[in-house]
Amino acid sequence: MLKFYIVVMPMPDTEWTRGKCAFKAILYMSIEIPVVASGVGVNKDIIKDGVNGFLAFTSADWEEKLSRLIEDAALRRSLGAAGRKTVEKEFSLKTNAPIFCTVLKERLGRMS
């Protein structure tokens, strides 16, 4: 069985990447894997640096943050757990289904 302990999500800061979603980060955060991602686009909105993952802007950032995670299992666990909580709070079906249903009801009500 293969395992991994850190997700790496490097992206250049371009117009294209600024418009991308952070699905990869959200996916791995949901299974408590800590994420190190480029500080580009929506990554900056979802990942709170040092709280629920790490953002990297420079080569030195990448080296420092990856080294910290490699060397510190407790940090990997705490960032992973915080990432999971972020996903549950912001992106889960439990959180978003009621919002979606409300929007649908409002739209359907306007069609009558």
PDB file of N, CA and C in Angstrom:
ATOM      1  N   MET A   1       0.835  -1.175   0.000  1.00  0.00           N
ATOM      2  CA  MET A   1       0.000   0.000   0.000  1.00  0.00           C
ATOM      3  C   MET A   1       0.886   1.247   0.000  1.00  0.00           C
ATOM      4  N   LEU A   2       0.588   2.129  -0.896  1.00  0.00           N
ATOM      5  CA  LEU A   2       1.343   3.375  -0.983  1.00  0.00           C
ATOM      6  C   LEU A   2       0.726   4.423  -0.074  1.00  0.00           C
ATOM      7  N   LYS A   3       1.575   5.251   0.515  1.00  0.00           N
ATOM      8  CA  LYS A   3       1.117   6.352   1.345  1.00  0.00           C
ATOM      9  C   LYS A   3       1.875   7.608   0.946  1.00  0.00           C
ATOM     10  N   PHE A   4       1.236   8.728   1.204  1.00  0.00           N
ATOM     11  CA  PHE A   4       1.943   9.994   1.071  1.00  0.00           C
ATOM     12  C   PHE A   4       1.519  10.890   2.207  1.00  0.00           C
ATOM     13  N   TYR A   5       2.351  11.856   2.519  1.00  0.00           N
ATOM     14  CA  TYR A   5       2.145  12.634   3.730  1.00  0.00           C
ATOM     15  C   TYR A   5       2.008  14.134   3.497  1.00  0.00           C
ATOM     16  N   ILE A   6       2.344  14.593   2.313  1.00  0.00           N
ATOM     17  CA  ILE A   6       2.290  16.015   1.996  1.00  0.00           C
ATOM     18  C   ILE A   6       1.841  16.155   0.546  1.00  0.00           C
ATOM     19  N   VAL A   7       0.959  17.121   0.282  1.00  0.00           N
ATOM     20  CA  VAL A   7       0.560  17.424  -1.091  1.00  0.00           C
ATOM     21  C   VAL A   7       1.282  18.697  -1.521  1.00  0.00           C
ATOM     22  N   VAL A   8       1.849  18.649  -2.699  1.00  0.00           N
ATOM     23  CA  VAL A   8       2.579  19.784  -3.260  1.00  0.00           C
ATOM     24  C   VAL A   8       1.797  20.285  -4.463  1.00  0.00           C
ATOM     25  N   MET A   9       1.496  21.570  -4.467  1.00  0.00           N
ATOM     26  CA  MET A   9       0.660  22.149  -5.520  1.00  0.00           C
ATOM     27  C   MET A   9       1.315  23.420  -6.078  1.00  0.00           C
ATOM     28  N   PRO A  10       2.422  23.259  -6.820  1.00  0.00           N
ATOM     29  CA  PRO A  10       3.087  24.443  -7.387  1.00  0.00           C
ATOM     30  C   PRO A  10       2.384  24.927  -8.652  1.00  0.00           C
ATOM     31  N   MET A  11       2.276  26.229  -8.790  1.00  0.00           N
ATOM     32  CA  MET A  11       1.701  26.831  -9.999  1.00  0.00           C
ATOM     33  C   MET A  11       2.375  28.177 -10.226  1.00  0.00           C
ATOM     34  N   PRO A  12       2.640  28.507 -11.476  1.00  0.00           N
ATOM     35  CA  PRO A  12       3.174  29.847 -11.743  1.00  0.00           C
ATOM     36  C   PRO A  12       2.078  30.889 -11.542  1.00  0.00           C
ATOM     37  N   ASP A  13       2.466  32.100 -11.281  1.00  0.00           N
ATOM     38  CA  ASP A  13       1.485  33.175 -11.117  1.00  0.00           C
ATOM     39  C   ASP A  13       1.191  33.771 -12.488  1.00  0.00           C
ATOM     40  N   THR A  14       0.167  33.215 -13.144  1.00  0.00           N
ATOM     41  CA  THR A  14      -0.236  33.681 -14.469  1.00  0.00           C
ATOM     42  C   THR A  14      -1.730  33.976 -14.461  1.00  0.00           C
ATOM     43  N   GLU A  15      -2.185  34.619 -15.490  1.00  0.00           N
ATOM     44  CA  GLU A  15      -3.616  34.896 -15.599  1.00  0.00           C
ATOM     45  C   GLU A  15      -4.412  33.592 -15.566  1.00  0.00           C
ATOM     46  N   TRP A  16      -3.924  32.581 -16.247  1.00  0.00           N
ATOM     47  CA  TRP A  16      -4.603  31.284 -16.301  1.00  0.00           C
ATOM     48  C   TRP A  16      -4.705  30.660 -14.910  1.00  0.00           C
ATOM     49  N   THR A  17      -3.586  30.587 -14.172  1.00  0.00           N
ATOM     50  CA  THR A  17      -3.612  29.930 -12.864  1.00  0.00           C
ATOM     51  C   THR A  17      -4.372  30.758 -11.828  1.00  0.00           C
ATOM     52  N   ARG A  18      -4.406  32.065 -11.987  1.00  0.00           N
ATOM     53  CA  ARG A  18      -5.183  32.894 -11.062  1.00  0.00           C
ATOM     54  C   ARG A  18      -6.674  32.598 -11.182  1.00  0.00           C
ATOM     55  N   GLY A  19      -7.110  32.050 -12.314  1.00  0.00           N
ATOM     56  CA  GLY A  19      -8.516  31.731 -12.520  1.00  0.00           C
ATOM     57  C   GLY A  19      -8.880  30.290 -12.208  1.00  0.00           C
ATOM     58  N   LYS A  20      -7.901  29.479 -11.845  1.00  0.00           N
ATOM     59  CA  LYS A  20      -8.173  28.069 -11.548  1.00  0.00           C
ATOM     60  C   LYS A  20      -8.775  27.913 -10.157  1.00  0.00           C
ATOM     61  N   CYS A  21      -9.518  26.834  -9.982  1.00  0.00           N
ATOM     62  CA  CYS A  21     -10.040  26.525  -8.649  1.00  0.00           C
ATOM     63  C   CYS A  21      -8.971  25.755  -7.880  1.00  0.00           C
ATOM     64  N   ALA A  22      -9.208  25.528  -6.630  1.00  0.00           N
ATOM     65  CA  ALA A  22      -8.241  24.820  -5.776  1.00  0.00           C
ATOM     66  C   ALA A  22      -8.746  23.417  -5.452  1.00  0.00           C
ATOM     67  N   PHE A  23      -9.340  22.755  -6.433  1.00  0.00           N
ATOM     68  CA  PHE A  23      -9.956  21.454  -6.177  1.00  0.00           C
ATOM     69  C   PHE A  23      -8.960  20.451  -5.614  1.00  0.00           C
ATOM     70  N   LYS A  24      -7.747  20.417  -6.147  1.00  0.00           N
ATOM     71  CA  LYS A  24      -6.747  19.476  -5.645  1.00  0.00           C
ATOM     72  C   LYS A  24      -6.478  19.731  -4.163  1.00  0.00           C
ATOM     73  N   ALA A  25      -6.317  20.984  -3.791  1.00  0.00           N
ATOM     74  CA  ALA A  25      -6.073  21.312  -2.386  1.00  0.00           C
ATOM     75  C   ALA A  25      -7.261  20.894  -1.527  1.00  0.00           C
ATOM     76  N   ILE A  26      -8.460  21.216  -1.958  1.00  0.00           N
ATOM     77  CA  ILE A  26      -9.666  20.872  -1.198  1.00  0.00           C
ATOM     78  C   ILE A  26      -9.792  19.353  -1.050  1.00  0.00           C
ATOM     79  N   LEU A  27      -9.538  18.637  -2.117  1.00  0.00           N
ATOM     80  CA  LEU A  27      -9.633  17.177  -2.091  1.00  0.00           C
ATOM     81  C   LEU A  27      -8.701  16.587  -1.037  1.00  0.00           C
ATOM     82  N   TYR A  28      -7.448  16.983  -1.041  1.00  0.00           N
ATOM     83  CA  TYR A  28      -6.485  16.408  -0.106  1.00  0.00           C
ATOM     84  C   TYR A  28      -6.666  16.949   1.303  1.00  0.00           C
ATOM     85  N   MET A  29      -7.082  18.195   1.431  1.00  0.00           N
ATOM     86  CA  MET A  29      -7.389  18.713   2.761  1.00  0.00           C
ATOM     87  C   MET A  29      -8.520  17.893   3.388  1.00  0.00           C
ATOM     88  N   SER A  30      -9.453  17.436   2.569  1.00  0.00           N
ATOM     89  CA  SER A  30     -10.596  16.669   3.087  1.00  0.00           C
ATOM     90  C   SER A  30     -10.180  15.337   3.695  1.00  0.00           C
ATOM     91  N   ILE A  31      -9.032  14.816   3.296  1.00  0.00           N
ATOM     92  CA  ILE A  31      -8.554  13.551   3.883  1.00  0.00           C
ATOM     93  C   ILE A  31      -7.353  13.792   4.809  1.00  0.00           C
ATOM     94  N   GLU A  32      -7.250  15.030   5.290  1.00  0.00           N
ATOM     95  CA  GLU A  32      -6.278  15.412   6.311  1.00  0.00           C
ATOM     96  C   GLU A  32      -4.825  15.300   5.874  1.00  0.00           C
ATOM     97  N   ILE A  33      -4.569  15.537   4.592  1.00  0.00           N
ATOM     98  CA  ILE A  33      -3.200  15.596   4.105  1.00  0.00           C
ATOM     99  C   ILE A  33      -2.813  17.074   4.017  1.00  0.00           C
ATOM    100  N   PRO A  34      -1.738  17.490   4.682  1.00  0.00           N
ATOM    101  CA  PRO A  34      -1.363  18.900   4.622  1.00  0.00           C
ATOM    102  C   PRO A  34      -0.921  19.304   3.218  1.00  0.00           C
ATOM    103  N   VAL A  35      -1.263  20.525   2.854  1.00  0.00           N
ATOM    104  CA  VAL A  35      -1.015  21.039   1.506  1.00  0.00           C
ATOM    105  C   VAL A  35      -0.006  22.176   1.565  1.00  0.00           C
ATOM    106  N   VAL A  36       0.935  22.140   0.623  1.00  0.00           N
ATOM    107  CA  VAL A  36       1.795  23.285   0.360  1.00  0.00           C
ATOM    108  C   VAL A  36       1.482  23.702  -1.067  1.00  0.00           C
ATOM    109  N   ALA A  37       0.966  24.918  -1.227  1.00  0.00           N
ATOM    110  CA  ALA A  37       0.519  25.382  -2.536  1.00  0.00           C
ATOM    111  C   ALA A  37       1.094  26.754  -2.843  1.00  0.00           C
ATOM    112  N   SER A  38       1.220  27.024  -4.119  1.00  0.00           N
ATOM    113  CA  SER A  38       1.618  28.365  -4.538  1.00  0.00           C
ATOM    114  C   SER A  38       0.570  29.366  -4.070  1.00  0.00           C
ATOM    115  N   GLY A  39       1.034  30.522  -3.652  1.00  0.00           N
ATOM    116  CA  GLY A  39       0.120  31.574  -3.209  1.00  0.00           C
ATOM    117  C   GLY A  39      -0.475  32.308  -4.389  1.00  0.00           C
ATOM    118  N   VAL A  40      -1.276  31.579  -5.162  1.00  0.00           N
ATOM    119  CA  VAL A  40      -1.846  32.086  -6.408  1.00  0.00           C
ATOM    120  C   VAL A  40      -3.356  31.900  -6.390  1.00  0.00           C
ATOM    121  N   GLY A  41      -4.066  32.887  -6.886  1.00  0.00           N
ATOM    122  CA  GLY A  41      -5.509  32.764  -7.069  1.00  0.00           C
ATOM    123  C   GLY A  41      -6.254  32.412  -5.803  1.00  0.00           C
ATOM    124  N   VAL A  42      -7.233  31.517  -5.948  1.00  0.00           N
ATOM    125  CA  VAL A  42      -8.119  31.154  -4.840  1.00  0.00           C
ATOM    126  C   VAL A  42      -7.393  30.366  -3.752  1.00  0.00           C
ATOM    127  N   ASN A  43      -6.210  29.841  -4.050  1.00  0.00           N
ATOM    128  CA  ASN A  43      -5.423  29.181  -2.997  1.00  0.00           C
ATOM    129  C   ASN A  43      -5.272  30.101  -1.798  1.00  0.00           C
ATOM    130  N   LYS A  44      -5.088  31.394  -2.073  1.00  0.00           N
ATOM    131  CA  LYS A  44      -4.892  32.368  -0.995  1.00  0.00           C
ATOM    132  C   LYS A  44      -6.155  32.568  -0.166  1.00  0.00           C
ATOM    133  N   ASP A  45      -7.308  32.251  -0.721  1.00  0.00           N
ATOM    134  CA  ASP A  45      -8.564  32.383   0.022  1.00  0.00           C
ATOM    135  C   ASP A  45      -8.861  31.144   0.860  1.00  0.00           C
ATOM    136  N   ILE A  46      -8.453  29.993   0.387  1.00  0.00           N
ATOM    137  CA  ILE A  46      -8.784  28.733   1.050  1.00  0.00           C
ATOM    138  C   ILE A  46      -7.726  28.343   2.070  1.00  0.00           C
ATOM    139  N   ILE A  47      -6.477  28.473   1.689  1.00  0.00           N
ATOM    140  CA  ILE A  47      -5.378  28.068   2.574  1.00  0.00           C
ATOM    141  C   ILE A  47      -4.935  29.269   3.396  1.00  0.00           C
ATOM    142  N   LYS A  48      -5.034  29.114   4.696  1.00  0.00           N
ATOM    143  CA  LYS A  48      -4.548  30.125   5.639  1.00  0.00           C
ATOM    144  C   LYS A  48      -3.155  29.681   6.060  1.00  0.00           C
ATOM    145  N   ASP A  49      -2.158  30.400   5.592  1.00  0.00           N
ATOM    146  CA  ASP A  49      -0.761  30.004   5.752  1.00  0.00           C
ATOM    147  C   ASP A  49      -0.413  29.714   7.209  1.00  0.00           C
ATOM    148  N   GLY A  50       0.024  28.481   7.455  1.00  0.00           N
ATOM    149  CA  GLY A  50       0.417  28.074   8.788  1.00  0.00           C
ATOM    150  C   GLY A  50      -0.733  27.645   9.677  1.00  0.00           C
ATOM    151  N   VAL A  51      -1.957  27.763   9.185  1.00  0.00           N
ATOM    152  CA  VAL A  51      -3.138  27.392   9.971  1.00  0.00           C
ATOM    153  C   VAL A  51      -3.731  26.082   9.468  1.00  0.00           C
ATOM    154  N   ASN A  52      -4.062  26.034   8.168  1.00  0.00           N
ATOM    155  CA  ASN A  52      -4.664  24.829   7.593  1.00  0.00           C
ATOM    156  C   ASN A  52      -3.878  24.317   6.385  1.00  0.00           C
ATOM    157  N   GLY A  53      -2.690  24.813   6.206  1.00  0.00           N
ATOM    158  CA  GLY A  53      -1.808  24.455   5.101  1.00  0.00           C
ATOM    159  C   GLY A  53      -0.730  25.507   5.008  1.00  0.00           C
ATOM    160  N   PHE A  54       0.047  25.426   3.945  1.00  0.00           N
ATOM    161  CA  PHE A  54       1.094  26.420   3.726  1.00  0.00           C
ATOM    162  C   PHE A  54       0.966  27.003   2.326  1.00  0.00           C
ATOM    163  N   LEU A  55       1.235  28.288   2.214  1.00  0.00           N
ATOM    164  CA  LEU A  55       1.357  28.962   0.924  1.00  0.00           C
ATOM    165  C   LEU A  55       2.826  29.263   0.688  1.00  0.00           C
ATOM    166  N   ALA A  56       3.259  29.075  -0.535  1.00  0.00           N
ATOM    167  CA  ALA A  56       4.647  29.357  -0.892  1.00  0.00           C
ATOM    168  C   ALA A  56       4.668  30.349  -2.054  1.00  0.00           C
ATOM    169  N   PHE A  57       5.481  31.367  -1.899  1.00  0.00           N
ATOM    170  CA  PHE A  57       5.592  32.407  -2.920  1.00  0.00           C
ATOM    171  C   PHE A  57       6.967  32.411  -3.590  1.00  0.00           C
ATOM    172  N   THR A  58       7.968  31.917  -2.886  1.00  0.00           N
ATOM    173  CA  THR A  58       9.342  31.919  -3.398  1.00  0.00           C
ATOM    174  C   THR A  58       9.950  30.530  -3.246  1.00  0.00           C
ATOM    175  N   SER A  59      11.086  30.331  -3.878  1.00  0.00           N
ATOM    176  CA  SER A  59      11.803  29.056  -3.721  1.00  0.00           C
ATOM    177  C   SER A  59      12.175  28.823  -2.260  1.00  0.00           C
ATOM    178  N   ALA A  60      12.552  29.888  -1.584  1.00  0.00           N
ATOM    179  CA  ALA A  60      12.901  29.760  -0.162  1.00  0.00           C
ATOM    180  C   ALA A  60      11.682  29.330   0.656  1.00  0.00           C
ATOM    181  N   ASP A  61      10.511  29.867   0.331  1.00  0.00           N
ATOM    182  CA  ASP A  61       9.277  29.443   1.006  1.00  0.00           C
ATOM    183  C   ASP A  61       9.052  27.949   0.828  1.00  0.00           C
ATOM    184  N   TRP A  62       9.171  27.484  -0.409  1.00  0.00           N
ATOM    185  CA  TRP A  62       8.951  26.061  -0.689  1.00  0.00           C
ATOM    186  C   TRP A  62       9.901  25.208   0.146  1.00  0.00           C
ATOM    187  N   GLU A  63      11.158  25.568   0.136  1.00  0.00           N
ATOM    188  CA  GLU A  63      12.153  24.784   0.872  1.00  0.00           C
ATOM    189  C   GLU A  63      11.858  24.785   2.371  1.00  0.00           C
ATOM    190  N   GLU A  64      11.571  25.953   2.917  1.00  0.00           N
ATOM    191  CA  GLU A  64      11.344  26.075   4.358  1.00  0.00           C
ATOM    192  C   GLU A  64      10.083  25.319   4.784  1.00  0.00           C
ATOM    193  N   LYS A  65       9.004  25.486   4.056  1.00  0.00           N
ATOM    194  CA  LYS A  65       7.732  24.887   4.458  1.00  0.00           C
ATOM    195  C   LYS A  65       7.711  23.377   4.245  1.00  0.00           C
ATOM    196  N   LEU A  66       8.265  22.929   3.148  1.00  0.00           N
ATOM    197  CA  LEU A  66       8.356  21.482   2.947  1.00  0.00           C
ATOM    198  C   LEU A  66       9.274  20.842   3.985  1.00  0.00           C
ATOM    199  N   SER A  67      10.378  21.486   4.282  1.00  0.00           N
ATOM    200  CA  SER A  67      11.295  20.959   5.309  1.00  0.00           C
ATOM    201  C   SER A  67      10.605  20.852   6.654  1.00  0.00           C
ATOM    202  N   ARG A  68       9.849  21.866   7.025  1.00  0.00           N
ATOM    203  CA  ARG A  68       9.132  21.823   8.301  1.00  0.00           C
ATOM    204  C   ARG A  68       8.177  20.634   8.356  1.00  0.00           C
ATOM    205  N   LEU A  69       7.431  20.426   7.274  1.00  0.00           N
ATOM    206  CA  LEU A  69       6.481  19.307   7.258  1.00  0.00           C
ATOM    207  C   LEU A  69       7.181  17.956   7.238  1.00  0.00           C
ATOM    208  N   ILE A  70       8.258  17.859   6.503  1.00  0.00           N
ATOM    209  CA  ILE A  70       9.002  16.592   6.444  1.00  0.00           C
ATOM    210  C   ILE A  70       9.532  16.224   7.819  1.00  0.00           C
ATOM    211  N   GLU A  71      10.011  17.212   8.550  1.00  0.00           N
ATOM    212  CA  GLU A  71      10.657  16.967   9.831  1.00  0.00           C
ATOM    213  C   GLU A  71       9.695  16.883  11.016  1.00  0.00           C
ATOM    214  N   ASP A  72       8.447  17.311  10.861  1.00  0.00           N
ATOM    215  CA  ASP A  72       7.555  17.450  12.014  1.00  0.00           C
ATOM    216  C   ASP A  72       6.215  16.747  11.771  1.00  0.00           C
ATOM    217  N   ALA A  73       6.102  15.525  12.251  1.00  0.00           N
ATOM    218  CA  ALA A  73       4.874  14.741  12.071  1.00  0.00           C
ATOM    219  C   ALA A  73       3.692  15.395  12.783  1.00  0.00           C
ATOM    220  N   ALA A  74       3.929  16.002  13.933  1.00  0.00           N
ATOM    221  CA  ALA A  74       2.836  16.661  14.666  1.00  0.00           C
ATOM    222  C   ALA A  74       2.288  17.840  13.864  1.00  0.00           C
ATOM    223  N   LEU A  75       3.158  18.573  13.206  1.00  0.00           N
ATOM    224  CA  LEU A  75       2.723  19.682  12.352  1.00  0.00           C
ATOM    225  C   LEU A  75       1.907  19.159  11.176  1.00  0.00           C
ATOM    226  N   ARG A  76       2.355  18.055  10.578  1.00  0.00           N
ATOM    227  CA  ARG A  76       1.582  17.449   9.482  1.00  0.00           C
ATOM    228  C   ARG A  76       0.182  17.083   9.959  1.00  0.00           C
ATOM    229  N   ARG A  77       0.092  16.481  11.129  1.00  0.00           N
ATOM    230  CA  ARG A  77      -1.222  16.087  11.668  1.00  0.00           C
ATOM    231  C   ARG A  77      -2.093  17.306  11.966  1.00  0.00           C
ATOM    232  N   SER A  78      -1.514  18.334  12.570  1.00  0.00           N
ATOM    233  CA  SER A  78      -2.339  19.496  12.950  1.00  0.00           C
ATOM    234  C   SER A  78      -2.805  20.274  11.725  1.00  0.00           C
ATOM    235  N   LEU A  79      -1.941  20.466  10.736  1.00  0.00           N
ATOM    236  CA  LEU A  79      -2.371  21.155   9.516  1.00  0.00           C
ATOM    237  C   LEU A  79      -3.382  20.310   8.753  1.00  0.00           C
ATOM    238  N   GLY A  80      -3.177  18.997   8.742  1.00  0.00           N
ATOM    239  CA  GLY A  80      -4.130  18.110   8.085  1.00  0.00           C
ATOM    240  C   GLY A  80      -5.504  18.175   8.737  1.00  0.00           C
ATOM    241  N   ALA A  81      -5.536  18.150  10.060  1.00  0.00           N
ATOM    242  CA  ALA A  81      -6.812  18.219  10.781  1.00  0.00           C
ATOM    243  C   ALA A  81      -7.487  19.570  10.558  1.00  0.00           C
ATOM    244  N   ALA A  82      -6.702  20.647  10.563  1.00  0.00           N
ATOM    245  CA  ALA A  82      -7.275  21.974  10.320  1.00  0.00           C
ATOM    246  C   ALA A  82      -7.798  22.089   8.891  1.00  0.00           C
ATOM    247  N   GLY A  83      -7.096  21.474   7.948  1.00  0.00           N
ATOM    248  CA  GLY A  83      -7.566  21.459   6.564  1.00  0.00           C
ATOM    249  C   GLY A  83      -8.896  20.748   6.440  1.00  0.00           C
ATOM    250  N   ARG A  84      -9.022  19.621   7.116  1.00  0.00           N
ATOM    251  CA  ARG A  84     -10.289  18.872   7.106  1.00  0.00           C
ATOM    252  C   ARG A  84     -11.429  19.738   7.653  1.00  0.00           C
ATOM    253  N   LYS A  85     -11.173  20.435   8.754  1.00  0.00           N
ATOM    254  CA  LYS A  85     -12.198  21.304   9.339  1.00  0.00           C
ATOM    255  C   LYS A  85     -12.602  22.409   8.370  1.00  0.00           C
ATOM    256  N   THR A  86     -11.642  22.954   7.640  1.00  0.00           N
ATOM    257  CA  THR A  86     -11.941  23.985   6.640  1.00  0.00           C
ATOM    258  C   THR A  86     -12.878  23.438   5.581  1.00  0.00           C
ATOM    259  N   VAL A  87     -12.571  22.248   5.084  1.00  0.00           N
ATOM    260  CA  VAL A  87     -13.399  21.646   4.037  1.00  0.00           C
ATOM    261  C   VAL A  87     -14.804  21.354   4.573  1.00  0.00           C
ATOM    262  N   GLU A  88     -14.888  20.814   5.769  1.00  0.00           N
ATOM    263  CA  GLU A  88     -16.212  20.532   6.347  1.00  0.00           C
ATOM    264  C   GLU A  88     -17.020  21.819   6.495  1.00  0.00           C
ATOM    265  N   LYS A  89     -16.375  22.878   6.943  1.00  0.00           N
ATOM    266  CA  LYS A  89     -17.077  24.139   7.201  1.00  0.00           C
ATOM    267  C   LYS A  89     -17.464  24.869   5.920  1.00  0.00           C
ATOM    268  N   GLU A  90     -16.597  24.853   4.919  1.00  0.00           N
ATOM    269  CA  GLU A  90     -16.788  25.683   3.736  1.00  0.00           C
ATOM    270  C   GLU A  90     -17.274  24.947   2.488  1.00  0.00           C
ATOM    271  N   PHE A  91     -16.959  23.665   2.361  1.00  0.00           N
ATOM    272  CA  PHE A  91     -17.178  22.985   1.083  1.00  0.00           C
ATOM    273  C   PHE A  91     -17.997  21.708   1.165  1.00  0.00           C
ATOM    274  N   SER A  92     -18.432  21.318   2.338  1.00  0.00           N
ATOM    275  CA  SER A  92     -19.123  20.034   2.469  1.00  0.00           C
ATOM    276  C   SER A  92     -20.557  20.104   1.955  1.00  0.00           C
ATOM    277  N   LEU A  93     -21.093  18.940   1.662  1.00  0.00           N
ATOM    278  CA  LEU A  93     -22.493  18.831   1.263  1.00  0.00           C
ATOM    279  C   LEU A  93     -23.394  19.306   2.396  1.00  0.00           C
ATOM    280  N   LYS A  94     -23.029  18.948   3.616  1.00  0.00           N
ATOM    281  CA  LYS A  94     -23.824  19.351   4.779  1.00  0.00           C
ATOM    282  C   LYS A  94     -23.954  20.878   4.858  1.00  0.00           C
ATOM    283  N   THR A  95     -22.896  21.568   4.558  1.00  0.00           N
ATOM    284  CA  THR A  95     -22.909  23.034   4.600  1.00  0.00           C
ATOM    285  C   THR A  95     -23.603  23.636   3.384  1.00  0.00           C
ATOM    286  N   ASN A  96     -23.353  23.079   2.219  1.00  0.00           N
ATOM    287  CA  ASN A  96     -23.802  23.719   0.981  1.00  0.00           C
ATOM    288  C   ASN A  96     -25.156  23.259   0.463  1.00  0.00           C
ATOM    289  N   ALA A  97     -25.620  22.082   0.851  1.00  0.00           N
ATOM    290  CA  ALA A  97     -26.928  21.607   0.373  1.00  0.00           C
ATOM    291  C   ALA A  97     -28.062  22.549   0.771  1.00  0.00           C
ATOM    292  N   PRO A  98     -28.121  23.011   2.014  1.00  0.00           N
ATOM    293  CA  PRO A  98     -29.206  23.936   2.365  1.00  0.00           C
ATOM    294  C   PRO A  98     -29.150  25.248   1.563  1.00  0.00           C
ATOM    295  N   ILE A  99     -27.967  25.736   1.308  1.00  0.00           N
ATOM    296  CA  ILE A  99     -27.818  26.955   0.509  1.00  0.00           C
ATOM    297  C   ILE A  99     -28.323  26.708  -0.905  1.00  0.00           C
ATOM    298  N   PHE A 100     -27.918  25.590  -1.486  1.00  0.00           N
ATOM    299  CA  PHE A 100     -28.331  25.230  -2.838  1.00  0.00           C
ATOM    300  C   PHE A 100     -29.852  25.088  -2.919  1.00  0.00           C
ATOM    301  N   CYS A 101     -30.434  24.420  -1.934  1.00  0.00           N
ATOM    302  CA  CYS A 101     -31.891  24.234  -1.923  1.00  0.00           C
ATOM    303  C   CYS A 101     -32.618  25.568  -1.801  1.00  0.00           C
ATOM    304  N   THR A 102     -32.120  26.457  -0.990  1.00  0.00           N
ATOM    305  CA  THR A 102     -32.722  27.780  -0.840  1.00  0.00           C
ATOM    306  C   THR A 102     -32.695  28.539  -2.159  1.00  0.00           C
ATOM    307  N   VAL A 103     -31.569  28.498  -2.847  1.00  0.00           N
ATOM    308  CA  VAL A 103     -31.457  29.174  -4.139  1.00  0.00           C
ATOM    309  C   VAL A 103     -32.430  28.571  -5.137  1.00  0.00           C
ATOM    310  N   LEU A 104     -32.521  27.261  -5.189  1.00  0.00           N
ATOM    311  CA  LEU A 104     -33.460  26.604  -6.097  1.00  0.00           C
ATOM    312  C   LEU A 104     -34.899  27.000  -5.785  1.00  0.00           C
ATOM    313  N   LYS A 105     -35.270  26.997  -4.519  1.00  0.00           N
ATOM    314  CA  LYS A 105     -36.634  27.377  -4.130  1.00  0.00           C
ATOM    315  C   LYS A 105     -36.926  28.815  -4.527  1.00  0.00           C
ATOM    316  N   GLU A 106     -35.970  29.706  -4.313  1.00  0.00           N
ATOM    317  CA  GLU A 106     -36.168  31.111  -4.700  1.00  0.00           C
ATOM    318  C   GLU A 106     -36.363  31.235  -6.211  1.00  0.00           C
ATOM    319  N   ARG A 107     -35.549  30.544  -6.965  1.00  0.00           N
ATOM    320  CA  ARG A 107     -35.649  30.615  -8.433  1.00  0.00           C
ATOM    321  C   ARG A 107     -36.941  29.998  -8.930  1.00  0.00           C
ATOM    322  N   LEU A 108     -37.310  28.869  -8.365  1.00  0.00           N
ATOM    323  CA  LEU A 108     -38.566  28.217  -8.769  1.00  0.00           C
ATOM    324  C   LEU A 108     -39.765  29.082  -8.393  1.00  0.00           C
ATOM    325  N   GLY A 109     -39.702  29.751  -7.254  1.00  0.00           N
ATOM    326  CA  GLY A 109     -40.767  30.631  -6.824  1.00  0.00           C
ATOM    327  C   GLY A 109     -40.946  31.803  -7.794  1.00  0.00           C
ATOM    328  N   ARG A 110     -39.878  32.260  -8.373  1.00  0.00           N
ATOM    329  CA  ARG A 110     -39.939  33.360  -9.334  1.00  0.00           C
ATOM    330  C   ARG A 110     -40.515  32.920 -10.677  1.00  0.00           C
ATOM    331  N   MET A 111     -40.450  31.616 -10.952  1.00  0.00           N
ATOM    332  CA  MET A 111     -40.947  31.091 -12.212  1.00  0.00           C
ATOM    333  C   MET A 111     -42.468  30.897 -12.175  1.00  0.00           C
ATOM    334  N   SER A 112     -43.038  30.851 -10.995  1.00  0.00           N
ATOM    335  CA  SER A 112     -44.486  30.601 -10.883  1.00  0.00           C
ATOM    336  C   SER A 112     -45.300  31.789 -11.283  1.00  0.00           C
TER     337      SER A 112
END
